[in-house]
Amino acid sequence: MNVTRVPACVLVADDDAAIRQLIAVYLTGAGFTVVLAAGGAAALELAAVSRPRVAVLDASMPPPAGWEVARQLRADPATAAIRNVVLWPDGSRQASPAVQSGVDACLAKPFSPAELVALVHGLAGPG
């Protein structure tokens, strides 16, 4: 029997269009389906509709920021299972413990494409 796997969906939310597109290229190249949001409010709306397995969220996008989007996703039973990664701003090597407690992973910018893909693969689990 031949089983076809459906690629895991990943939501990418960042207010910087170039970064959003770059992350999308990395993740689609790794076999994921990607949906894009230009900010936190759009990310929450898209998450409710697309039900991604993982959300990659920019910590410094206009409110709601990535860590707040992650908190709201976790608080809603309909989206609570979505794993999330918050991308932390340049120069900050570690997010605060308060922020980390509400997310599955933090990744400092700049990051390597391989590092991001490996992290998303780990959070997405088996296809």
PDB file of N, CA and C in Angstrom:
ATOM      1  N   MET A   1       0.833  -1.166   0.000  1.00  0.00           N
ATOM      2  CA  MET A   1       0.000   0.000   0.000  1.00  0.00           C
ATOM      3  C   MET A   1       0.889   1.244   0.000  1.00  0.00           C
ATOM      4  N   ASN A   2       0.558   2.187  -0.851  1.00  0.00           N
ATOM      5  CA  ASN A   2       1.311   3.425  -0.973  1.00  0.00           C
ATOM      6  C   ASN A   2       0.585   4.527  -0.209  1.00  0.00           C
ATOM      7  N   VAL A   3       1.238   5.079   0.831  1.00  0.00           N
ATOM      8  CA  VAL A   3       0.624   6.120   1.647  1.00  0.00           C
ATOM      9  C   VAL A   3       1.206   7.468   1.254  1.00  0.00           C
ATOM     10  N   THR A   4       0.327   8.413   0.946  1.00  0.00           N
ATOM     11  CA  THR A   4       0.762   9.758   0.608  1.00  0.00           C
ATOM     12  C   THR A   4       0.725  10.610   1.866  1.00  0.00           C
ATOM     13  N   ARG A   5       1.831  11.257   2.160  1.00  0.00           N
ATOM     14  CA  ARG A   5       1.900  12.134   3.332  1.00  0.00           C
ATOM     15  C   ARG A   5       1.548  13.558   2.930  1.00  0.00           C
ATOM     16  N   VAL A   6       0.759  14.182   3.761  1.00  0.00           N
ATOM     17  CA  VAL A   6       0.415  15.581   3.566  1.00  0.00           C
ATOM     18  C   VAL A   6       1.454  16.415   4.311  1.00  0.00           C
ATOM     19  N   PRO A   7       2.066  17.398   3.635  1.00  0.00           N
ATOM     20  CA  PRO A   7       3.084  18.201   4.310  1.00  0.00           C
ATOM     21  C   PRO A   7       2.480  18.957   5.501  1.00  0.00           C
ATOM     22  N   ALA A   8       3.247  19.071   6.557  1.00  0.00           N
ATOM     23  CA  ALA A   8       2.800  19.837   7.716  1.00  0.00           C
ATOM     24  C   ALA A   8       2.695  21.307   7.329  1.00  0.00           C
ATOM     25  N   CYS A   9       1.666  21.962   7.843  1.00  0.00           N
ATOM     26  CA  CYS A   9       1.455  23.384   7.596  1.00  0.00           C
ATOM     27  C   CYS A   9       2.178  24.194   8.674  1.00  0.00           C
ATOM     28  N   VAL A  10       2.855  25.254   8.240  1.00  0.00           N
ATOM     29  CA  VAL A  10       3.557  26.161   9.155  1.00  0.00           C
ATOM     30  C   VAL A  10       3.063  27.577   8.881  1.00  0.00           C
ATOM     31  N   LEU A  11       2.670  28.264   9.930  1.00  0.00           N
ATOM     32  CA  LEU A  11       2.282  29.667   9.851  1.00  0.00           C
ATOM     33  C   LEU A  11       3.521  30.510  10.141  1.00  0.00           C
ATOM     34  N   VAL A  12       3.807  31.476   9.274  1.00  0.00           N
ATOM     35  CA  VAL A  12       4.928  32.391   9.478  1.00  0.00           C
ATOM     36  C   VAL A  12       4.357  33.798   9.603  1.00  0.00           C
ATOM     37  N   ALA A  13       4.608  34.449  10.743  1.00  0.00           N
ATOM     38  CA  ALA A  13       4.115  35.812  10.970  1.00  0.00           C
ATOM     39  C   ALA A  13       5.283  36.731  11.287  1.00  0.00           C
ATOM     40  N   ASP A  14       5.476  37.718  10.429  1.00  0.00           N
ATOM     41  CA  ASP A  14       6.536  38.707  10.610  1.00  0.00           C
ATOM     42  C   ASP A  14       6.105  39.957   9.856  1.00  0.00           C
ATOM     43  N   ASP A  15       6.305  41.126  10.440  1.00  0.00           N
ATOM     44  CA  ASP A  15       5.910  42.363   9.764  1.00  0.00           C
ATOM     45  C   ASP A  15       6.889  42.768   8.667  1.00  0.00           C
ATOM     46  N   ASP A  16       8.033  42.127   8.588  1.00  0.00           N
ATOM     47  CA  ASP A  16       9.008  42.390   7.533  1.00  0.00           C
ATOM     48  C   ASP A  16       8.761  41.395   6.389  1.00  0.00           C
ATOM     49  N   ALA A  17       8.263  41.909   5.270  1.00  0.00           N
ATOM     50  CA  ALA A  17       7.895  41.051   4.140  1.00  0.00           C
ATOM     51  C   ALA A  17       9.075  40.231   3.617  1.00  0.00           C
ATOM     52  N   ALA A  18      10.272  40.809   3.599  1.00  0.00           N
ATOM     53  CA  ALA A  18      11.446  40.088   3.093  1.00  0.00           C
ATOM     54  C   ALA A  18      11.777  38.899   3.985  1.00  0.00           C
ATOM     55  N   ILE A  19      11.713  39.090   5.291  1.00  0.00           N
ATOM     56  CA  ILE A  19      11.997  37.986   6.218  1.00  0.00           C
ATOM     57  C   ILE A  19      10.916  36.915   6.096  1.00  0.00           C
ATOM     58  N   ARG A  20       9.661  37.353   6.005  1.00  0.00           N
ATOM     59  CA  ARG A  20       8.547  36.402   5.835  1.00  0.00           C
ATOM     60  C   ARG A  20       8.781  35.511   4.615  1.00  0.00           C
ATOM     61  N   GLN A  21       9.125  36.138   3.493  1.00  0.00           N
ATOM     62  CA  GLN A  21       9.338  35.386   2.253  1.00  0.00           C
ATOM     63  C   GLN A  21      10.556  34.480   2.346  1.00  0.00           C
ATOM     64  N   LEU A  22      11.610  34.957   2.968  1.00  0.00           N
ATOM     65  CA  LEU A  22      12.815  34.149   3.111  1.00  0.00           C
ATOM     66  C   LEU A  22      12.541  32.902   3.948  1.00  0.00           C
ATOM     67  N   ILE A  23      11.834  33.072   5.053  1.00  0.00           N
ATOM     68  CA  ILE A  23      11.478  31.927   5.891  1.00  0.00           C
ATOM     69  C   ILE A  23      10.590  30.962   5.112  1.00  0.00           C
ATOM     70  N   ALA A  24       9.669  31.510   4.327  1.00  0.00           N
ATOM     71  CA  ALA A  24       8.790  30.659   3.513  1.00  0.00           C
ATOM     72  C   ALA A  24       9.600  29.828   2.516  1.00  0.00           C
ATOM     73  N   VAL A  25      10.607  30.430   1.905  1.00  0.00           N
ATOM     74  CA  VAL A  25      11.468  29.703   0.959  1.00  0.00           C
ATOM     75  C   VAL A  25      12.179  28.560   1.674  1.00  0.00           C
ATOM     76  N   TYR A  26      12.747  28.840   2.852  1.00  0.00           N
ATOM     77  CA  TYR A  26      13.443  27.795   3.620  1.00  0.00           C
ATOM     78  C   TYR A  26      12.501  26.632   3.931  1.00  0.00           C
ATOM     79  N   LEU A  27      11.310  26.971   4.413  1.00  0.00           N
ATOM     80  CA  LEU A  27      10.396  25.925   4.879  1.00  0.00           C
ATOM     81  C   LEU A  27       9.725  25.162   3.736  1.00  0.00           C
ATOM     82  N   THR A  28       9.353  25.849   2.661  1.00  0.00           N
ATOM     83  CA  THR A  28       8.775  25.118   1.529  1.00  0.00           C
ATOM     84  C   THR A  28       9.831  24.223   0.894  1.00  0.00           C
ATOM     85  N   GLY A  29      11.080  24.694   0.872  1.00  0.00           N
ATOM     86  CA  GLY A  29      12.172  23.871   0.367  1.00  0.00           C
ATOM     87  C   GLY A  29      12.395  22.622   1.195  1.00  0.00           C
ATOM     88  N   ALA A  30      11.989  22.675   2.461  1.00  0.00           N
ATOM     89  CA  ALA A  30      12.122  21.520   3.361  1.00  0.00           C
ATOM     90  C   ALA A  30      10.864  20.654   3.357  1.00  0.00           C
ATOM     91  N   GLY A  31       9.889  21.008   2.503  1.00  0.00           N
ATOM     92  CA  GLY A  31       8.710  20.163   2.346  1.00  0.00           C
ATOM     93  C   GLY A  31       7.479  20.583   3.124  1.00  0.00           C
ATOM     94  N   PHE A  32       7.519  21.742   3.763  1.00  0.00           N
ATOM     95  CA  PHE A  32       6.355  22.210   4.509  1.00  0.00           C
ATOM     96  C   PHE A  32       5.424  23.026   3.614  1.00  0.00           C
ATOM     97  N   THR A  33       4.163  23.056   3.962  1.00  0.00           N
ATOM     98  CA  THR A  33       3.215  23.998   3.388  1.00  0.00           C
ATOM     99  C   THR A  33       3.254  25.221   4.287  1.00  0.00           C
ATOM    100  N   VAL A  34       3.300  26.418   3.704  1.00  0.00           N
ATOM    101  CA  VAL A  34       3.473  27.635   4.499  1.00  0.00           C
ATOM    102  C   VAL A  34       2.336  28.611   4.222  1.00  0.00           C
ATOM    103  N   VAL A  35       1.805  29.193   5.298  1.00  0.00           N
ATOM    104  CA  VAL A  35       0.859  30.303   5.191  1.00  0.00           C
ATOM    105  C   VAL A  35       1.509  31.507   5.857  1.00  0.00           C
ATOM    106  N   LEU A  36       1.278  32.694   5.287  1.00  0.00           N
ATOM    107  CA  LEU A  36       1.982  33.893   5.727  1.00  0.00           C
ATOM    108  C   LEU A  36       1.030  34.931   6.306  1.00  0.00           C
ATOM    109  N   ALA A  37       1.486  35.583   7.372  1.00  0.00           N
ATOM    110  CA  ALA A  37       0.742  36.673   7.996  1.00  0.00           C
ATOM    111  C   ALA A  37       1.683  37.852   8.203  1.00  0.00           C
ATOM    112  N   ALA A  38       1.170  39.060   7.961  1.00  0.00           N
ATOM    113  CA  ALA A  38       1.992  40.262   8.076  1.00  0.00           C
ATOM    114  C   ALA A  38       2.020  40.836   9.489  1.00  0.00           C
ATOM    115  N   GLY A  39       1.272  40.245  10.399  1.00  0.00           N
ATOM    116  CA  GLY A  39       1.261  40.743  11.768  1.00  0.00           C
ATOM    117  C   GLY A  39       0.539  39.792  12.692  1.00  0.00           C
ATOM    118  N   GLY A  40       0.489  40.165  13.965  1.00  0.00           N
ATOM    119  CA  GLY A  40      -0.083  39.294  14.979  1.00  0.00           C
ATOM    120  C   GLY A  40      -1.566  39.036  14.825  1.00  0.00           C
ATOM    121  N   ALA A  41      -2.347  40.075  14.513  1.00  0.00           N
ATOM    122  CA  ALA A  41      -3.788  39.893  14.352  1.00  0.00           C
ATOM    123  C   ALA A  41      -4.087  38.947  13.189  1.00  0.00           C
ATOM    124  N   ALA A  42      -3.385  39.146  12.085  1.00  0.00           N
ATOM    125  CA  ALA A  42      -3.568  38.258  10.928  1.00  0.00           C
ATOM    126  C   ALA A  42      -3.137  36.836  11.259  1.00  0.00           C
ATOM    127  N   ALA A  43      -2.088  36.701  12.058  1.00  0.00           N
ATOM    128  CA  ALA A  43      -1.617  35.367  12.453  1.00  0.00           C
ATOM    129  C   ALA A  43      -2.688  34.625  13.250  1.00  0.00           C
ATOM    130  N   LEU A  44      -3.336  35.312  14.167  1.00  0.00           N
ATOM    131  CA  LEU A  44      -4.387  34.679  14.965  1.00  0.00           C
ATOM    132  C   LEU A  44      -5.555  34.240  14.083  1.00  0.00           C
ATOM    133  N   GLU A  45      -5.933  35.084  13.124  1.00  0.00           N
ATOM    134  CA  GLU A  45      -7.020  34.736  12.204  1.00  0.00           C
ATOM    135  C   GLU A  45      -6.637  33.539  11.333  1.00  0.00           C
ATOM    136  N   LEU A  46      -5.435  33.568  10.774  1.00  0.00           N
ATOM    137  CA  LEU A  46      -4.988  32.467   9.908  1.00  0.00           C
ATOM    138  C   LEU A  46      -4.839  31.160  10.677  1.00  0.00           C
ATOM    139  N   ALA A  47      -4.383  31.238  11.910  1.00  0.00           N
ATOM    140  CA  ALA A  47      -4.213  30.026  12.717  1.00  0.00           C
ATOM    141  C   ALA A  47      -5.552  29.348  12.948  1.00  0.00           C
ATOM    142  N   ALA A  48      -6.585  30.133  13.172  1.00  0.00           N
ATOM    143  CA  ALA A  48      -7.915  29.569  13.413  1.00  0.00           C
ATOM    144  C   ALA A  48      -8.454  28.858  12.177  1.00  0.00           C
ATOM    145  N   VAL A  49      -8.086  29.357  10.993  1.00  0.00           N
ATOM    146  CA  VAL A  49      -8.589  28.791   9.743  1.00  0.00           C
ATOM    147  C   VAL A  49      -7.707  27.663   9.214  1.00  0.00           C
ATOM    148  N   SER A  50      -6.394  27.878   9.207  1.00  0.00           N
ATOM    149  CA  SER A  50      -5.482  26.923   8.562  1.00  0.00           C
ATOM    150  C   SER A  50      -4.997  25.816   9.489  1.00  0.00           C
ATOM    151  N   ARG A  51      -5.125  26.002  10.799  1.00  0.00           N
ATOM    152  CA  ARG A  51      -4.691  25.023  11.800  1.00  0.00           C
ATOM    153  C   ARG A  51      -3.290  24.473  11.518  1.00  0.00           C
ATOM    154  N   PRO A  52      -2.292  25.364  11.508  1.00  0.00           N
ATOM    155  CA  PRO A  52      -0.921  24.905  11.254  1.00  0.00           C
ATOM    156  C   PRO A  52      -0.437  24.009  12.393  1.00  0.00           C
ATOM    157  N   ARG A  53       0.554  23.201  12.100  1.00  0.00           N
ATOM    158  CA  ARG A  53       1.165  22.381  13.143  1.00  0.00           C
ATOM    159  C   ARG A  53       2.157  23.207  13.954  1.00  0.00           C
ATOM    160  N   VAL A  54       2.804  24.192  13.276  1.00  0.00           N
ATOM    161  CA  VAL A  54       3.796  25.048  13.919  1.00  0.00           C
ATOM    162  C   VAL A  54       3.550  26.489  13.475  1.00  0.00           C
ATOM    163  N   ALA A  55       3.776  27.433  14.392  1.00  0.00           N
ATOM    164  CA  ALA A  55       3.740  28.859  14.067  1.00  0.00           C
ATOM    165  C   ALA A  55       5.111  29.453  14.356  1.00  0.00           C
ATOM    166  N   VAL A  56       5.671  30.174  13.379  1.00  0.00           N
ATOM    167  CA  VAL A  56       6.935  30.883  13.540  1.00  0.00           C
ATOM    168  C   VAL A  56       6.567  32.355  13.655  1.00  0.00           C
ATOM    169  N   LEU A  57       6.828  32.954  14.818  1.00  0.00           N
ATOM    170  CA  LEU A  57       6.300  34.269  15.152  1.00  0.00           C
ATOM    171  C   LEU A  57       7.410  35.250  15.503  1.00  0.00           C
ATOM    172  N   ASP A  58       7.378  36.437  14.905  1.00  0.00           N
ATOM    173  CA  ASP A  58       8.364  37.472  15.194  1.00  0.00           C
ATOM    174  C   ASP A  58       8.033  38.135  16.527  1.00  0.00           C
ATOM    175  N   ALA A  59       8.987  38.172  17.430  1.00  0.00           N
ATOM    176  CA  ALA A  59       8.769  38.760  18.750  1.00  0.00           C
ATOM    177  C   ALA A  59       8.515  40.256  18.680  1.00  0.00           C
ATOM    178  N   SER A  60       9.071  40.926  17.689  1.00  0.00           N
ATOM    179  CA  SER A  60       9.010  42.394  17.666  1.00  0.00           C
ATOM    180  C   SER A  60       8.033  42.958  16.645  1.00  0.00           C
ATOM    181  N   MET A  61       7.121  42.138  16.110  1.00  0.00           N
ATOM    182  CA  MET A  61       6.126  42.703  15.200  1.00  0.00           C
ATOM    183  C   MET A  61       5.134  43.534  16.009  1.00  0.00           C
ATOM    184  N   PRO A  62       4.440  44.464  15.333  1.00  0.00           N
ATOM    185  CA  PRO A  62       3.487  45.308  16.048  1.00  0.00           C
ATOM    186  C   PRO A  62       2.442  44.456  16.780  1.00  0.00           C
ATOM    187  N   PRO A  63       1.900  45.002  17.854  1.00  0.00           N
ATOM    188  CA  PRO A  63       0.961  44.225  18.689  1.00  0.00           C
ATOM    189  C   PRO A  63      -0.181  43.616  17.881  1.00  0.00           C
ATOM    190  N   PRO A  64      -0.528  42.395  18.278  1.00  0.00           N
ATOM    191  CA  PRO A  64       0.130  41.603  19.308  1.00  0.00           C
ATOM    192  C   PRO A  64       1.452  41.022  18.802  1.00  0.00           C
ATOM    193  N   ALA A  65       2.474  41.164  19.609  1.00  0.00           N
ATOM    194  CA  ALA A  65       3.808  40.640  19.290  1.00  0.00           C
ATOM    195  C   ALA A  65       3.779  39.114  19.306  1.00  0.00           C
ATOM    196  N   GLY A  66       4.849  38.513  18.811  1.00  0.00           N
ATOM    197  CA  GLY A  66       4.909  37.057  18.672  1.00  0.00           C
ATOM    198  C   GLY A  66       4.656  36.289  19.949  1.00  0.00           C
ATOM    199  N   TRP A  67       5.228  36.736  21.059  1.00  0.00           N
ATOM    200  CA  TRP A  67       5.033  36.010  22.315  1.00  0.00           C
ATOM    201  C   TRP A  67       3.581  36.095  22.772  1.00  0.00           C
ATOM    202  N   GLU A  68       2.908  37.233  22.473  1.00  0.00           N
ATOM    203  CA  GLU A  68       1.501  37.383  22.839  1.00  0.00           C
ATOM    204  C   GLU A  68       0.613  36.529  21.935  1.00  0.00           C
ATOM    205  N   VAL A  69       0.953  36.446  20.655  1.00  0.00           N
ATOM    206  CA  VAL A  69       0.221  35.556  19.737  1.00  0.00           C
ATOM    207  C   VAL A  69       0.346  34.121  20.238  1.00  0.00           C
ATOM    208  N   ALA A  70       1.560  33.717  20.617  1.00  0.00           N
ATOM    209  CA  ALA A  70       1.770  32.358  21.137  1.00  0.00           C
ATOM    210  C   ALA A  70       0.907  32.115  22.378  1.00  0.00           C
ATOM    211  N   ARG A  71       0.849  33.098  23.265  1.00  0.00           N
ATOM    212  CA  ARG A  71       0.045  32.961  24.482  1.00  0.00           C
ATOM    213  C   ARG A  71      -1.443  32.803  24.139  1.00  0.00           C
ATOM    214  N   GLN A  72      -1.923  33.611  23.191  1.00  0.00           N
ATOM    215  CA  GLN A  72      -3.337  33.530  22.805  1.00  0.00           C
ATOM    216  C   GLN A  72      -3.654  32.215  22.100  1.00  0.00           C
ATOM    217  N   LEU A  73      -2.738  31.743  21.261  1.00  0.00           N
ATOM    218  CA  LEU A  73      -2.943  30.449  20.604  1.00  0.00           C
ATOM    219  C   LEU A  73      -3.043  29.344  21.647  1.00  0.00           C
ATOM    220  N   ARG A  74      -2.158  29.380  22.627  1.00  0.00           N
ATOM    221  CA  ARG A  74      -2.131  28.355  23.674  1.00  0.00           C
ATOM    222  C   ARG A  74      -3.394  28.410  24.539  1.00  0.00           C
ATOM    223  N   ALA A  75      -3.951  29.608  24.749  1.00  0.00           N
ATOM    224  CA  ALA A  75      -5.120  29.780  25.608  1.00  0.00           C
ATOM    225  C   ALA A  75      -6.424  29.332  24.950  1.00  0.00           C
ATOM    226  N   ASP A  76      -6.442  29.269  23.626  1.00  0.00           N
ATOM    227  CA  ASP A  76      -7.661  28.892  22.899  1.00  0.00           C
ATOM    228  C   ASP A  76      -7.645  27.393  22.636  1.00  0.00           C
ATOM    229  N   PRO A  77      -8.647  26.654  23.130  1.00  0.00           N
ATOM    230  CA  PRO A  77      -8.652  25.202  22.920  1.00  0.00           C
ATOM    231  C   PRO A  77      -8.584  24.801  21.439  1.00  0.00           C
ATOM    232  N   ALA A  78      -9.099  25.641  20.552  1.00  0.00           N
ATOM    233  CA  ALA A  78      -9.086  25.316  19.122  1.00  0.00           C
ATOM    234  C   ALA A  78      -7.686  25.391  18.514  1.00  0.00           C
ATOM    235  N   THR A  79      -6.784  26.164  19.137  1.00  0.00           N
ATOM    236  CA  THR A  79      -5.432  26.332  18.578  1.00  0.00           C
ATOM    237  C   THR A  79      -4.340  25.944  19.574  1.00  0.00           C
ATOM    238  N   ALA A  80      -4.714  25.409  20.698  1.00  0.00           N
ATOM    239  CA  ALA A  80      -3.757  25.116  21.769  1.00  0.00           C
ATOM    240  C   ALA A  80      -2.679  24.107  21.365  1.00  0.00           C
ATOM    241  N   ALA A  81      -2.958  23.249  20.401  1.00  0.00           N
ATOM    242  CA  ALA A  81      -1.990  22.222  20.001  1.00  0.00           C
ATOM    243  C   ALA A  81      -0.920  22.745  19.052  1.00  0.00           C
ATOM    244  N   ILE A  82      -1.086  23.967  18.550  1.00  0.00           N
ATOM    245  CA  ILE A  82      -0.096  24.533  17.631  1.00  0.00           C
ATOM    246  C   ILE A  82       1.197  24.788  18.398  1.00  0.00           C
ATOM    247  N   ARG A  83       2.295  24.212  17.913  1.00  0.00           N
ATOM    248  CA  ARG A  83       3.624  24.447  18.508  1.00  0.00           C
ATOM    249  C   ARG A  83       4.127  25.776  17.972  1.00  0.00           C
ATOM    250  N   ASN A  84       4.892  26.511  18.762  1.00  0.00           N
ATOM    251  CA  ASN A  84       5.305  27.830  18.313  1.00  0.00           C
ATOM    252  C   ASN A  84       6.764  28.136  18.599  1.00  0.00           C
ATOM    253  N   VAL A  85       7.322  28.932  17.683  1.00  0.00           N
ATOM    254  CA  VAL A  85       8.696  29.408  17.772  1.00  0.00           C
ATOM    255  C   VAL A  85       8.631  30.928  17.717  1.00  0.00           C
ATOM    256  N   VAL A  86       9.245  31.596  18.669  1.00  0.00           N
ATOM    257  CA  VAL A  86       9.314  33.050  18.628  1.00  0.00           C
ATOM    258  C   VAL A  86      10.722  33.440  18.189  1.00  0.00           C
ATOM    259  N   LEU A  87      10.772  34.273  17.146  1.00  0.00           N
ATOM    260  CA  LEU A  87      12.048  34.782  16.636  1.00  0.00           C
ATOM    261  C   LEU A  87      12.386  36.043  17.405  1.00  0.00           C
ATOM    262  N   TRP A  88      13.530  35.998  18.087  1.00  0.00           N
ATOM    263  CA  TRP A  88      13.942  37.069  18.973  1.00  0.00           C
ATOM    264  C   TRP A  88      14.833  38.055  18.231  1.00  0.00           C
ATOM    265  N   PRO A  89      14.761  39.358  18.547  1.00  0.00           N
ATOM    266  CA  PRO A  89      15.509  40.384  17.796  1.00  0.00           C
ATOM    267  C   PRO A  89      17.024  40.232  17.842  1.00  0.00           C
ATOM    268  N   ASP A  90      17.652  40.849  16.844  1.00  0.00           N
ATOM    269  CA  ASP A  90      19.116  40.886  16.752  1.00  0.00           C
ATOM    270  C   ASP A  90      19.727  41.349  18.068  1.00  0.00           C
ATOM    271  N   GLY A  91      20.847  40.763  18.400  1.00  0.00           N
ATOM    272  CA  GLY A  91      21.590  41.193  19.566  1.00  0.00           C
ATOM    273  C   GLY A  91      21.109  40.591  20.867  1.00  0.00           C
ATOM    274  N   SER A  92      19.912  40.062  20.890  1.00  0.00           N
ATOM    275  CA  SER A  92      19.395  39.444  22.108  1.00  0.00           C
ATOM    276  C   SER A  92      19.568  37.943  21.970  1.00  0.00           C
ATOM    277  N   ARG A  93      20.473  37.373  22.680  1.00  0.00           N
ATOM    278  CA  ARG A  93      20.790  35.956  22.523  1.00  0.00           C
ATOM    279  C   ARG A  93      19.797  35.052  23.246  1.00  0.00           C
ATOM    280  N   GLN A  94      18.987  35.642  24.128  1.00  0.00           N
ATOM    281  CA  GLN A  94      18.047  34.801  24.862  1.00  0.00           C
ATOM    282  C   GLN A  94      16.817  35.609  25.246  1.00  0.00           C
ATOM    283  N   ALA A  95      15.651  35.027  25.069  1.00  0.00           N
ATOM    284  CA  ALA A  95      14.404  35.656  25.486  1.00  0.00           C
ATOM    285  C   ALA A  95      14.275  35.553  27.002  1.00  0.00           C
ATOM    286  N   SER A  96      13.483  36.414  27.576  1.00  0.00           N
ATOM    287  CA  SER A  96      13.292  36.385  29.026  1.00  0.00           C
ATOM    288  C   SER A  96      12.566  35.103  29.440  1.00  0.00           C
ATOM    289  N   PRO A  97      12.787  34.643  30.656  1.00  0.00           N
ATOM    290  CA  PRO A  97      12.088  33.441  31.132  1.00  0.00           C
ATOM    291  C   PRO A  97      10.579  33.575  31.067  1.00  0.00           C
ATOM    292  N   ALA A  98      10.043  34.776  31.304  1.00  0.00           N
ATOM    293  CA  ALA A  98       8.593  34.972  31.244  1.00  0.00           C
ATOM    294  C   ALA A  98       8.067  34.709  29.842  1.00  0.00           C
ATOM    295  N   VAL A  99       8.791  35.193  28.847  1.00  0.00           N
ATOM    296  CA  VAL A  99       8.383  34.956  27.462  1.00  0.00           C
ATOM    297  C   VAL A  99       8.574  33.487  27.105  1.00  0.00           C
ATOM    298  N   GLN A 100       9.704  32.913  27.491  1.00  0.00           N
ATOM    299  CA  GLN A 100       9.988  31.520  27.161  1.00  0.00           C
ATOM    300  C   GLN A 100       8.939  30.569  27.722  1.00  0.00           C
ATOM    301  N   SER A 101       8.359  30.909  28.861  1.00  0.00           N
ATOM    302  CA  SER A 101       7.405  29.995  29.483  1.00  0.00           C
ATOM    303  C   SER A 101       6.153  29.807  28.645  1.00  0.00           C
ATOM    304  N   GLY A 102       5.856  30.743  27.749  1.00  0.00           N
ATOM    305  CA  GLY A 102       4.650  30.627  26.946  1.00  0.00           C
ATOM    306  C   GLY A 102       4.877  30.102  25.546  1.00  0.00           C
ATOM    307  N   VAL A 103       6.110  29.748  25.213  1.00  0.00           N
ATOM    308  CA  VAL A 103       6.406  29.305  23.855  1.00  0.00           C
ATOM    309  C   VAL A 103       7.143  27.966  23.886  1.00  0.00           C
ATOM    310  N   ASP A 104       7.145  27.295  22.741  1.00  0.00           N
ATOM    311  CA  ASP A 104       7.853  26.016  22.648  1.00  0.00           C
ATOM    312  C   ASP A 104       9.344  26.204  22.404  1.00  0.00           C
ATOM    313  N   ALA A 105       9.697  27.270  21.671  1.00  0.00           N
ATOM    314  CA  ALA A 105      11.110  27.516  21.376  1.00  0.00           C
ATOM    315  C   ALA A 105      11.314  28.976  21.027  1.00  0.00           C
ATOM    316  N   CYS A 106      12.504  29.481  21.320  1.00  0.00           N
ATOM    317  CA  CYS A 106      12.922  30.821  20.908  1.00  0.00           C
ATOM    318  C   CYS A 106      14.150  30.658  20.028  1.00  0.00           C
ATOM    319  N   LEU A 107      14.236  31.497  19.015  1.00  0.00           N
ATOM    320  CA  LEU A 107      15.372  31.453  18.107  1.00  0.00           C
ATOM    321  C   LEU A 107      15.816  32.886  17.857  1.00  0.00           C
ATOM    322  N   ALA A 108      17.088  33.183  18.135  1.00  0.00           N
ATOM    323  CA  ALA A 108      17.608  34.534  17.954  1.00  0.00           C
ATOM    324  C   ALA A 108      17.918  34.804  16.495  1.00  0.00           C
ATOM    325  N   LYS A 109      17.589  36.021  16.039  1.00  0.00           N
ATOM    326  CA  LYS A 109      17.984  36.483  14.711  1.00  0.00           C
ATOM    327  C   LYS A 109      19.385  37.084  14.847  1.00  0.00           C
ATOM    328  N   PRO A 110      20.252  36.909  13.892  1.00  0.00           N
ATOM    329  CA  PRO A 110      20.080  36.083  12.699  1.00  0.00           C
ATOM    330  C   PRO A 110      20.254  34.599  13.025  1.00  0.00           C
ATOM    331  N   PHE A 111      19.559  33.773  12.296  1.00  0.00           N
ATOM    332  CA  PHE A 111      19.638  32.326  12.481  1.00  0.00           C
ATOM    333  C   PHE A 111      19.995  31.702  11.140  1.00  0.00           C
ATOM    334  N   SER A 112      20.497  30.493  11.189  1.00  0.00           N
ATOM    335  CA  SER A 112      20.813  29.810   9.935  1.00  0.00           C
ATOM    336  C   SER A 112      19.555  29.117   9.432  1.00  0.00           C
ATOM    337  N   PRO A 113      19.412  29.011   8.109  1.00  0.00           N
ATOM    338  CA  PRO A 113      18.263  28.290   7.566  1.00  0.00           C
ATOM    339  C   PRO A 113      18.176  26.864   8.116  1.00  0.00           C
ATOM    340  N   ALA A 114      19.324  26.191   8.222  1.00  0.00           N
ATOM    341  CA  ALA A 114      19.326  24.808   8.714  1.00  0.00           C
ATOM    342  C   ALA A 114      18.820  24.734  10.152  1.00  0.00           C
ATOM    343  N   GLU A 115      19.202  25.721  10.965  1.00  0.00           N
ATOM    344  CA  GLU A 115      18.770  25.761  12.358  1.00  0.00           C
ATOM    345  C   GLU A 115      17.247  25.918  12.445  1.00  0.00           C
ATOM    346  N   LEU A 116      16.683  26.821  11.655  1.00  0.00           N
ATOM    347  CA  LEU A 116      15.244  27.036  11.645  1.00  0.00           C
ATOM    348  C   LEU A 116      14.508  25.792  11.168  1.00  0.00           C
ATOM    349  N   VAL A 117      14.950  25.232  10.062  1.00  0.00           N
ATOM    350  CA  VAL A 117      14.282  24.034   9.506  1.00  0.00           C
ATOM    351  C   VAL A 117      14.332  22.880  10.487  1.00  0.00           C
ATOM    352  N   ALA A 118      15.480  22.660  11.118  1.00  0.00           N
ATOM    353  CA  ALA A 118      15.594  21.574  12.094  1.00  0.00           C
ATOM    354  C   ALA A 118      14.662  21.789  13.275  1.00  0.00           C
ATOM    355  N   LEU A 119      14.560  23.018  13.741  1.00  0.00           N
ATOM    356  CA  LEU A 119      13.689  23.331  14.856  1.00  0.00           C
ATOM    357  C   LEU A 119      12.230  23.085  14.492  1.00  0.00           C
ATOM    358  N   VAL A 120      11.813  23.544  13.325  1.00  0.00           N
ATOM    359  CA  VAL A 120      10.425  23.360  12.874  1.00  0.00           C
ATOM    360  C   VAL A 120      10.143  21.873  12.663  1.00  0.00           C
ATOM    361  N   HIS A 121      11.081  21.140  12.067  1.00  0.00           N
ATOM    362  CA  HIS A 121      10.899  19.693  11.908  1.00  0.00           C
ATOM    363  C   HIS A 121      10.683  19.027  13.253  1.00  0.00           C
ATOM    364  N   GLY A 122      11.495  19.386  14.227  1.00  0.00           N
ATOM    365  CA  GLY A 122      11.367  18.794  15.558  1.00  0.00           C
ATOM    366  C   GLY A 122      10.026  19.088  16.203  1.00  0.00           C
ATOM    367  N   LEU A 123       9.536  20.306  16.037  1.00  0.00           N
ATOM    368  CA  LEU A 123       8.250  20.683  16.630  1.00  0.00           C
ATOM    369  C   LEU A 123       7.071  20.087  15.868  1.00  0.00           C
ATOM    370  N   ALA A 124       7.207  19.968  14.549  1.00  0.00           N
ATOM    371  CA  ALA A 124       6.111  19.455  13.726  1.00  0.00           C
ATOM    372  C   ALA A 124       5.873  17.964  13.968  1.00  0.00           C
ATOM    373  N   GLY A 125       6.925  17.257  14.343  1.00  0.00           N
ATOM    374  CA  GLY A 125       6.781  15.819  14.572  1.00  0.00           C
ATOM    375  C   GLY A 125       6.669  15.053  13.267  1.00  0.00           C
ATOM    376  N   PRO A 126       6.379  13.771  13.375  1.00  0.00           N
ATOM    377  CA  PRO A 126       6.291  12.946  12.174  1.00  0.00           C
ATOM    378  C   PRO A 126       5.154  13.386  11.266  1.00  0.00           C
ATOM    379  N   GLY A 127       5.448  13.349   9.957  1.00  0.00           N
ATOM    380  CA  GLY A 127       4.462  13.792   8.962  1.00  0.00           C
ATOM    381  C   GLY A 127       3.352  12.865   8.824  1.00  0.00           C
TER     382      GLY A 127
END
